[in-house]
Amino acid sequence: MADSVVFAPRDWGRGYVAQDPAASAQGTWPALDRDCRWERQKLPRGVLASLSRYSRQPAGGGKGEVKVTAAATVHSAALGADEQLSTTLEEALRCPEQQPRSGERITGLNSLGTPFGAREQEYADDSVLEAGQYVGKGGTAQPYLWMVARSGTVVVAVSVTGGKGHTQEELLPLGSNALAKMLVRVQQQLKEK
């Protein structure tokens, strides 16, 4: 299921290519350690599968590179998927500055959770939006978005980092459209099961 749900470079649109590495290691999932550093850990009990794919749109037309991540985690129970979203909300409070990779950091993180039925959210059982600034090895701050949504036992997520010349307002539709399409794929997969 995770493989069929998670966006590949072509799904993002024209000009997107795979990053290196193109995908996460099998049998692992992302976890934030005590020092606010992201690492891949062995799948915990209750998580059946997790996959992240990393794509990018190279710089061009006077604008910097855009980096995107699409991920899906399949839990054995809805409670586990729900806990993943709760943890996502708490992590931004515990670690408003995070280190995704060596020499990179995400700063000024804010998060907002929106349960199903809220006026602005009727597409998933629960969702979380995080926004902040990504600072790479060059030291220039760029807009960063992390969107997570749950449908039943499946959690899908998208991150978008815009390079020079990209605004958060421009990147938000890119991420939210990808998230919505992955949720549709989840619902189609669940119907077929």
C-alpha atoms as a PDB file:
ATOM      1  CA  MET A   1       0.000   0.000   0.000  1.00  0.00           C
ATOM      2  CA  ALA A   2       2.704   2.500   0.961  1.00  0.00           C
ATOM      3  CA  ASP A   3       4.458   1.994  -2.379  1.00  0.00           C
ATOM      4  CA  SER A   4       1.293   2.654  -4.404  1.00  0.00           C
ATOM      5  CA  VAL A   5       0.312   5.730  -2.338  1.00  0.00           C
ATOM      6  CA  VAL A   6       3.595   7.665  -2.036  1.00  0.00           C
ATOM      7  CA  PHE A   7       4.316  10.210  -4.781  1.00  0.00           C
ATOM      8  CA  ALA A   8       7.194   9.503  -7.181  1.00  0.00           C
ATOM      9  CA  PRO A   9       8.973  12.415  -8.948  1.00  0.00           C
ATOM     10  CA  ARG A  10       6.632  12.314 -11.989  1.00  0.00           C
ATOM     11  CA  ASP A  11       3.590  12.723  -9.694  1.00  0.00           C
ATOM     12  CA  TRP A  12       4.801  16.143  -8.521  1.00  0.00           C
ATOM     13  CA  GLY A  13       4.763  17.569 -12.047  1.00  0.00           C
ATOM     14  CA  ARG A  14       7.004  18.436 -14.945  1.00  0.00           C
ATOM     15  CA  GLY A  15      10.671  18.851 -14.169  1.00  0.00           C
ATOM     16  CA  TYR A  16      10.771  16.911 -10.884  1.00  0.00           C
ATOM     17  CA  VAL A  17      13.526  14.319 -10.491  1.00  0.00           C
ATOM     18  CA  ALA A  18      14.581  11.944  -7.716  1.00  0.00           C
ATOM     19  CA  GLN A  19      16.939  13.183  -5.018  1.00  0.00           C
ATOM     20  CA  ASP A  20      19.862  11.050  -3.898  1.00  0.00           C
ATOM     21  CA  PRO A  21      18.869   8.928  -2.045  1.00  0.00           C
ATOM     22  CA  ALA A  22      15.511   8.633  -3.821  1.00  0.00           C
ATOM     23  CA  ALA A  23      13.744   6.703  -1.037  1.00  0.00           C
ATOM     24  CA  SER A  24      14.035   5.654   2.591  1.00  0.00           C
ATOM     25  CA  ALA A  25      15.554   2.345   3.672  1.00  0.00           C
ATOM     26  CA  GLN A  26      13.058  -0.500   3.809  1.00  0.00           C
ATOM     27  CA  GLY A  27      11.859  -1.528   7.277  1.00  0.00           C
ATOM     28  CA  THR A  28      12.542   1.919   8.806  1.00  0.00           C
ATOM     29  CA  TRP A  29      10.589   5.048   9.688  1.00  0.00           C
ATOM     30  CA  PRO A  30      11.570   8.619  10.641  1.00  0.00           C
ATOM     31  CA  ALA A  31      11.955   9.435  14.327  1.00  0.00           C
ATOM     32  CA  LEU A  32      12.980  12.604  16.166  1.00  0.00           C
ATOM     33  CA  ASP A  33      15.558  11.863  18.877  1.00  0.00           C
ATOM     34  CA  ARG A  34      16.009  13.659  22.237  1.00  0.00           C
ATOM     35  CA  ASP A  35      18.436  16.127  20.653  1.00  0.00           C
ATOM     36  CA  CYS A  36      15.855  17.117  18.004  1.00  0.00           C
ATOM     37  CA  ARG A  37      17.695  15.282  15.213  1.00  0.00           C
ATOM     38  CA  TRP A  38      15.803  13.196  12.655  1.00  0.00           C
ATOM     39  CA  GLU A  39      16.979   9.647  12.106  1.00  0.00           C
ATOM     40  CA  ARG A  40      15.663   6.441  10.561  1.00  0.00           C
ATOM     41  CA  GLN A  41      14.757   3.764  13.089  1.00  0.00           C
ATOM     42  CA  LYS A  42      13.524   0.192  12.806  1.00  0.00           C
ATOM     43  CA  LEU A  43       9.733   0.010  12.433  1.00  0.00           C
ATOM     44  CA  PRO A  44       8.116  -0.103  15.879  1.00  0.00           C
ATOM     45  CA  ARG A  45       5.534  -2.668  16.898  1.00  0.00           C
ATOM     46  CA  GLY A  46       2.180  -1.897  15.269  1.00  0.00           C
ATOM     47  CA  VAL A  47       3.681  -0.241  12.169  1.00  0.00           C
ATOM     48  CA  LEU A  48       3.336  -2.522   9.146  1.00  0.00           C
ATOM     49  CA  ALA A  49       5.194  -0.384   6.589  1.00  0.00           C
ATOM     50  CA  SER A  50       6.647   3.069   6.062  1.00  0.00           C
ATOM     51  CA  LEU A  51       8.065   4.643   2.920  1.00  0.00           C
ATOM     52  CA  SER A  52       9.442   8.101   2.113  1.00  0.00           C
ATOM     53  CA  ARG A  53      10.365   9.275  -1.393  1.00  0.00           C
ATOM     54  CA  TYR A  54      12.515  12.352  -1.965  1.00  0.00           C
ATOM     55  CA  SER A  55      12.178  14.458  -5.132  1.00  0.00           C
ATOM     56  CA  ARG A  56      13.319  17.877  -6.294  1.00  0.00           C
ATOM     57  CA  GLN A  57      12.719  20.436  -8.996  1.00  0.00           C
ATOM     58  CA  PRO A  58      16.093  21.824 -10.056  1.00  0.00           C
ATOM     59  CA  ALA A  59      16.685  25.568  -9.942  1.00  0.00           C
ATOM     60  CA  GLY A  60      15.687  27.471 -13.051  1.00  0.00           C
ATOM     61  CA  GLY A  61      13.938  30.564 -14.344  1.00  0.00           C
ATOM     62  CA  GLY A  62      15.585  32.731 -11.704  1.00  0.00           C
ATOM     63  CA  LYS A  63      14.249  30.606  -8.830  1.00  0.00           C
ATOM     64  CA  GLY A  64      16.009  28.168  -6.523  1.00  0.00           C
ATOM     65  CA  GLU A  65      15.526  24.439  -6.184  1.00  0.00           C
ATOM     66  CA  VAL A  66      12.356  23.025  -4.580  1.00  0.00           C
ATOM     67  CA  LYS A  67      12.769  19.865  -2.487  1.00  0.00           C
ATOM     68  CA  VAL A  68       9.783  17.668  -1.647  1.00  0.00           C
ATOM     69  CA  THR A  69       9.207  14.528   0.389  1.00  0.00           C
ATOM     70  CA  ALA A  70       6.182  12.240   0.209  1.00  0.00           C
ATOM     71  CA  ALA A  71       5.657   9.582   2.874  1.00  0.00           C
ATOM     72  CA  ALA A  72       3.129   6.993   4.004  1.00  0.00           C
ATOM     73  CA  THR A  73       3.017   4.896   7.164  1.00  0.00           C
ATOM     74  CA  VAL A  74       0.630   1.958   7.480  1.00  0.00           C
ATOM     75  CA  HIS A  75      -0.384   1.049  11.037  1.00  0.00           C
ATOM     76  CA  SER A  76      -2.073  -2.152  12.196  1.00  0.00           C
ATOM     77  CA  ALA A  77      -4.706  -0.106  14.086  1.00  0.00           C
ATOM     78  CA  ALA A  78      -6.261   3.365  13.804  1.00  0.00           C
ATOM     79  CA  LEU A  79      -5.119   4.141  17.363  1.00  0.00           C
ATOM     80  CA  GLY A  80      -1.470   3.834  16.301  1.00  0.00           C
ATOM     81  CA  ALA A  81      -2.058   6.156  13.334  1.00  0.00           C
ATOM     82  CA  ASP A  82      -3.813   8.623  15.641  1.00  0.00           C
ATOM     83  CA  GLU A  83      -0.853   8.525  18.063  1.00  0.00           C
ATOM     84  CA  GLN A  84       1.508   9.343  15.177  1.00  0.00           C
ATOM     85  CA  LEU A  85      -0.418  12.569  14.512  1.00  0.00           C
ATOM     86  CA  SER A  86      -0.477  13.469  18.222  1.00  0.00           C
ATOM     87  CA  THR A  87       3.285  12.939  18.370  1.00  0.00           C
ATOM     88  CA  THR A  88       3.746  15.147  15.296  1.00  0.00           C
ATOM     89  CA  LEU A  89       1.932  18.013  17.050  1.00  0.00           C
ATOM     90  CA  GLU A  90       3.979  17.571  20.230  1.00  0.00           C
ATOM     91  CA  GLU A  91       7.318  17.418  18.391  1.00  0.00           C
ATOM     92  CA  ALA A  92       7.026  20.989  17.092  1.00  0.00           C
ATOM     93  CA  LEU A  93       6.453  22.167  20.689  1.00  0.00           C
ATOM     94  CA  ARG A  94       9.321  20.080  22.078  1.00  0.00           C
ATOM     95  CA  CYS A  95      11.682  20.863  19.196  1.00  0.00           C
ATOM     96  CA  PRO A  96      10.881  24.177  17.448  1.00  0.00           C
ATOM     97  CA  GLU A  97      14.346  23.785  15.910  1.00  0.00           C
ATOM     98  CA  GLN A  98      15.107  20.412  14.304  1.00  0.00           C
ATOM     99  CA  GLN A  99      17.982  18.868  12.362  1.00  0.00           C
ATOM    100  CA  PRO A 100      16.771  16.784   9.388  1.00  0.00           C
ATOM    101  CA  ARG A 101      20.330  15.941   8.225  1.00  0.00           C
ATOM    102  CA  SER A 102      23.860  16.930   9.150  1.00  0.00           C
ATOM    103  CA  GLY A 103      24.452  20.612   8.358  1.00  0.00           C
ATOM    104  CA  GLU A 104      20.729  21.346   7.918  1.00  0.00           C
ATOM    105  CA  ARG A 105      18.130  22.710  10.322  1.00  0.00           C
ATOM    106  CA  ILE A 106      14.503  23.686  10.479  1.00  0.00           C
ATOM    107  CA  THR A 107      13.751  26.686  12.691  1.00  0.00           C
ATOM    108  CA  GLY A 108      10.725  28.566  14.000  1.00  0.00           C
ATOM    109  CA  LEU A 109       8.378  25.603  13.663  1.00  0.00           C
ATOM    110  CA  ASN A 110       4.715  26.158  14.441  1.00  0.00           C
ATOM    111  CA  SER A 111       2.075  23.446  14.193  1.00  0.00           C
ATOM    112  CA  LEU A 112      -1.692  23.394  13.870  1.00  0.00           C
ATOM    113  CA  GLY A 113      -3.886  20.303  14.234  1.00  0.00           C
ATOM    114  CA  THR A 114      -7.269  20.143  12.538  1.00  0.00           C
ATOM    115  CA  PRO A 115      -9.588  17.207  13.324  1.00  0.00           C
ATOM    116  CA  PHE A 116     -12.154  15.896  10.849  1.00  0.00           C
ATOM    117  CA  GLY A 117     -15.353  17.932  10.789  1.00  0.00           C
ATOM    118  CA  ALA A 118     -13.665  21.260  11.406  1.00  0.00           C
ATOM    119  CA  ARG A 119     -14.936  23.824   8.897  1.00  0.00           C
ATOM    120  CA  GLU A 120     -11.698  23.858   6.917  1.00  0.00           C
ATOM    121  CA  GLN A 121     -10.989  20.105   7.031  1.00  0.00           C
ATOM    122  CA  GLU A 122     -13.284  17.373   5.748  1.00  0.00           C
ATOM    123  CA  TYR A 123     -10.842  15.277   3.733  1.00  0.00           C
ATOM    124  CA  ALA A 124      -9.115  13.198   6.454  1.00  0.00           C
ATOM    125  CA  ASP A 125      -9.729  11.787   9.927  1.00  0.00           C
ATOM    126  CA  ASP A 126      -7.127  14.194  11.308  1.00  0.00           C
ATOM    127  CA  SER A 127      -4.438  16.518   9.948  1.00  0.00           C
ATOM    128  CA  VAL A 128      -1.463  18.584  11.089  1.00  0.00           C
ATOM    129  CA  LEU A 129       0.257  21.487   9.322  1.00  0.00           C
ATOM    130  CA  GLU A 130       3.703  22.679  10.376  1.00  0.00           C
ATOM    131  CA  ALA A 131       5.446  25.742   8.980  1.00  0.00           C
ATOM    132  CA  GLY A 132       8.913  27.130   9.577  1.00  0.00           C
ATOM    133  CA  GLN A 133      12.197  27.972   7.901  1.00  0.00           C
ATOM    134  CA  TYR A 134      14.692  25.518   6.428  1.00  0.00           C
ATOM    135  CA  VAL A 135      18.361  26.516   6.674  1.00  0.00           C
ATOM    136  CA  GLY A 136      20.754  24.462   4.545  1.00  0.00           C
ATOM    137  CA  LYS A 137      24.523  24.343   4.350  1.00  0.00           C
ATOM    138  CA  GLY A 138      24.551  27.713   2.547  1.00  0.00           C
ATOM    139  CA  GLY A 139      22.914  29.376   5.552  1.00  0.00           C
ATOM    140  CA  THR A 140      20.009  31.038   3.708  1.00  0.00           C
ATOM    141  CA  ALA A 141      16.558  30.534   5.268  1.00  0.00           C
ATOM    142  CA  GLN A 142      13.911  29.096   2.937  1.00  0.00           C
ATOM    143  CA  PRO A 143      10.175  28.450   3.490  1.00  0.00           C
ATOM    144  CA  TYR A 144       9.411  24.983   4.882  1.00  0.00           C
ATOM    145  CA  LEU A 145       6.049  23.169   5.171  1.00  0.00           C
ATOM    146  CA  TRP A 146       5.240  19.752   6.654  1.00  0.00           C
ATOM    147  CA  MET A 147       1.694  18.432   6.158  1.00  0.00           C
ATOM    148  CA  VAL A 148       0.418  15.214   7.723  1.00  0.00           C
ATOM    149  CA  ALA A 149      -3.019  13.570   7.451  1.00  0.00           C
ATOM    150  CA  ARG A 150      -4.611  10.335   8.641  1.00  0.00           C
ATOM    151  CA  SER A 151      -7.192   8.194   6.897  1.00  0.00           C
ATOM    152  CA  GLY A 152      -8.059   5.146   8.989  1.00  0.00           C
ATOM    153  CA  THR A 153      -4.857   3.246   9.720  1.00  0.00           C
ATOM    154  CA  VAL A 154      -2.731   5.118   7.174  1.00  0.00           C
ATOM    155  CA  VAL A 155      -0.794   8.351   7.740  1.00  0.00           C
ATOM    156  CA  VAL A 156       0.422  10.299   4.712  1.00  0.00           C
ATOM    157  CA  ALA A 157       2.805  13.231   4.853  1.00  0.00           C
ATOM    158  CA  VAL A 158       4.381  15.794   2.542  1.00  0.00           C
ATOM    159  CA  SER A 159       7.222  18.238   3.118  1.00  0.00           C
ATOM    160  CA  VAL A 160       8.018  21.132   0.790  1.00  0.00           C
ATOM    161  CA  THR A 161      11.143  23.292   0.959  1.00  0.00           C
ATOM    162  CA  GLY A 162      11.398  26.197  -1.439  1.00  0.00           C
ATOM    163  CA  GLY A 163      14.623  27.708  -2.652  1.00  0.00           C
ATOM    164  CA  LYS A 164      15.372  31.330  -3.543  1.00  0.00           C
ATOM    165  CA  GLY A 165      12.383  33.175  -4.968  1.00  0.00           C
ATOM    166  CA  HIS A 166       9.714  30.749  -3.693  1.00  0.00           C
ATOM    167  CA  THR A 167       7.132  31.909  -1.143  1.00  0.00           C
ATOM    168  CA  GLN A 168       5.167  29.890   1.398  1.00  0.00           C
ATOM    169  CA  GLU A 169       1.936  30.967  -0.351  1.00  0.00           C
ATOM    170  CA  GLU A 170       3.240  29.451  -3.586  1.00  0.00           C
ATOM    171  CA  LEU A 171       4.422  26.218  -1.942  1.00  0.00           C
ATOM    172  CA  LEU A 172       1.290  25.558   0.140  1.00  0.00           C
ATOM    173  CA  PRO A 173      -0.882  24.473  -2.850  1.00  0.00           C
ATOM    174  CA  LEU A 174       1.932  22.208  -4.102  1.00  0.00           C
ATOM    175  CA  GLY A 175       2.002  20.368  -0.769  1.00  0.00           C
ATOM    176  CA  SER A 176      -1.735  20.337  -0.094  1.00  0.00           C
ATOM    177  CA  ASN A 177      -2.561  19.033  -3.599  1.00  0.00           C
ATOM    178  CA  ALA A 178      -0.032  16.210  -3.214  1.00  0.00           C
ATOM    179  CA  LEU A 179      -1.409  15.333   0.228  1.00  0.00           C
ATOM    180  CA  ALA A 180      -5.006  15.304  -1.078  1.00  0.00           C
ATOM    181  CA  LYS A 181      -4.092  13.041  -4.013  1.00  0.00           C
ATOM    182  CA  MET A 182      -2.243  10.621  -1.732  1.00  0.00           C
ATOM    183  CA  LEU A 183      -5.306  10.488   0.555  1.00  0.00           C
ATOM    184  CA  VAL A 184      -7.473   9.594  -2.461  1.00  0.00           C
ATOM    185  CA  ARG A 185      -5.025   6.784  -3.267  1.00  0.00           C
ATOM    186  CA  VAL A 186      -5.280   5.539   0.337  1.00  0.00           C
ATOM    187  CA  GLN A 187      -9.074   5.507   0.199  1.00  0.00           C
ATOM    188  CA  GLN A 188      -9.014   3.645  -3.133  1.00  0.00           C
ATOM    189  CA  GLN A 189      -6.598   1.077  -1.721  1.00  0.00           C
ATOM    190  CA  LEU A 190      -8.708   0.572   1.411  1.00  0.00           C
ATOM    191  CA  LYS A 191     -11.855   0.044  -0.696  1.00  0.00           C
ATOM    192  CA  GLU A 192     -10.086  -2.621  -2.750  1.00  0.00           C
ATOM    193  CA  LYS A 193      -8.942  -4.557   0.349  1.00  0.00           C
END
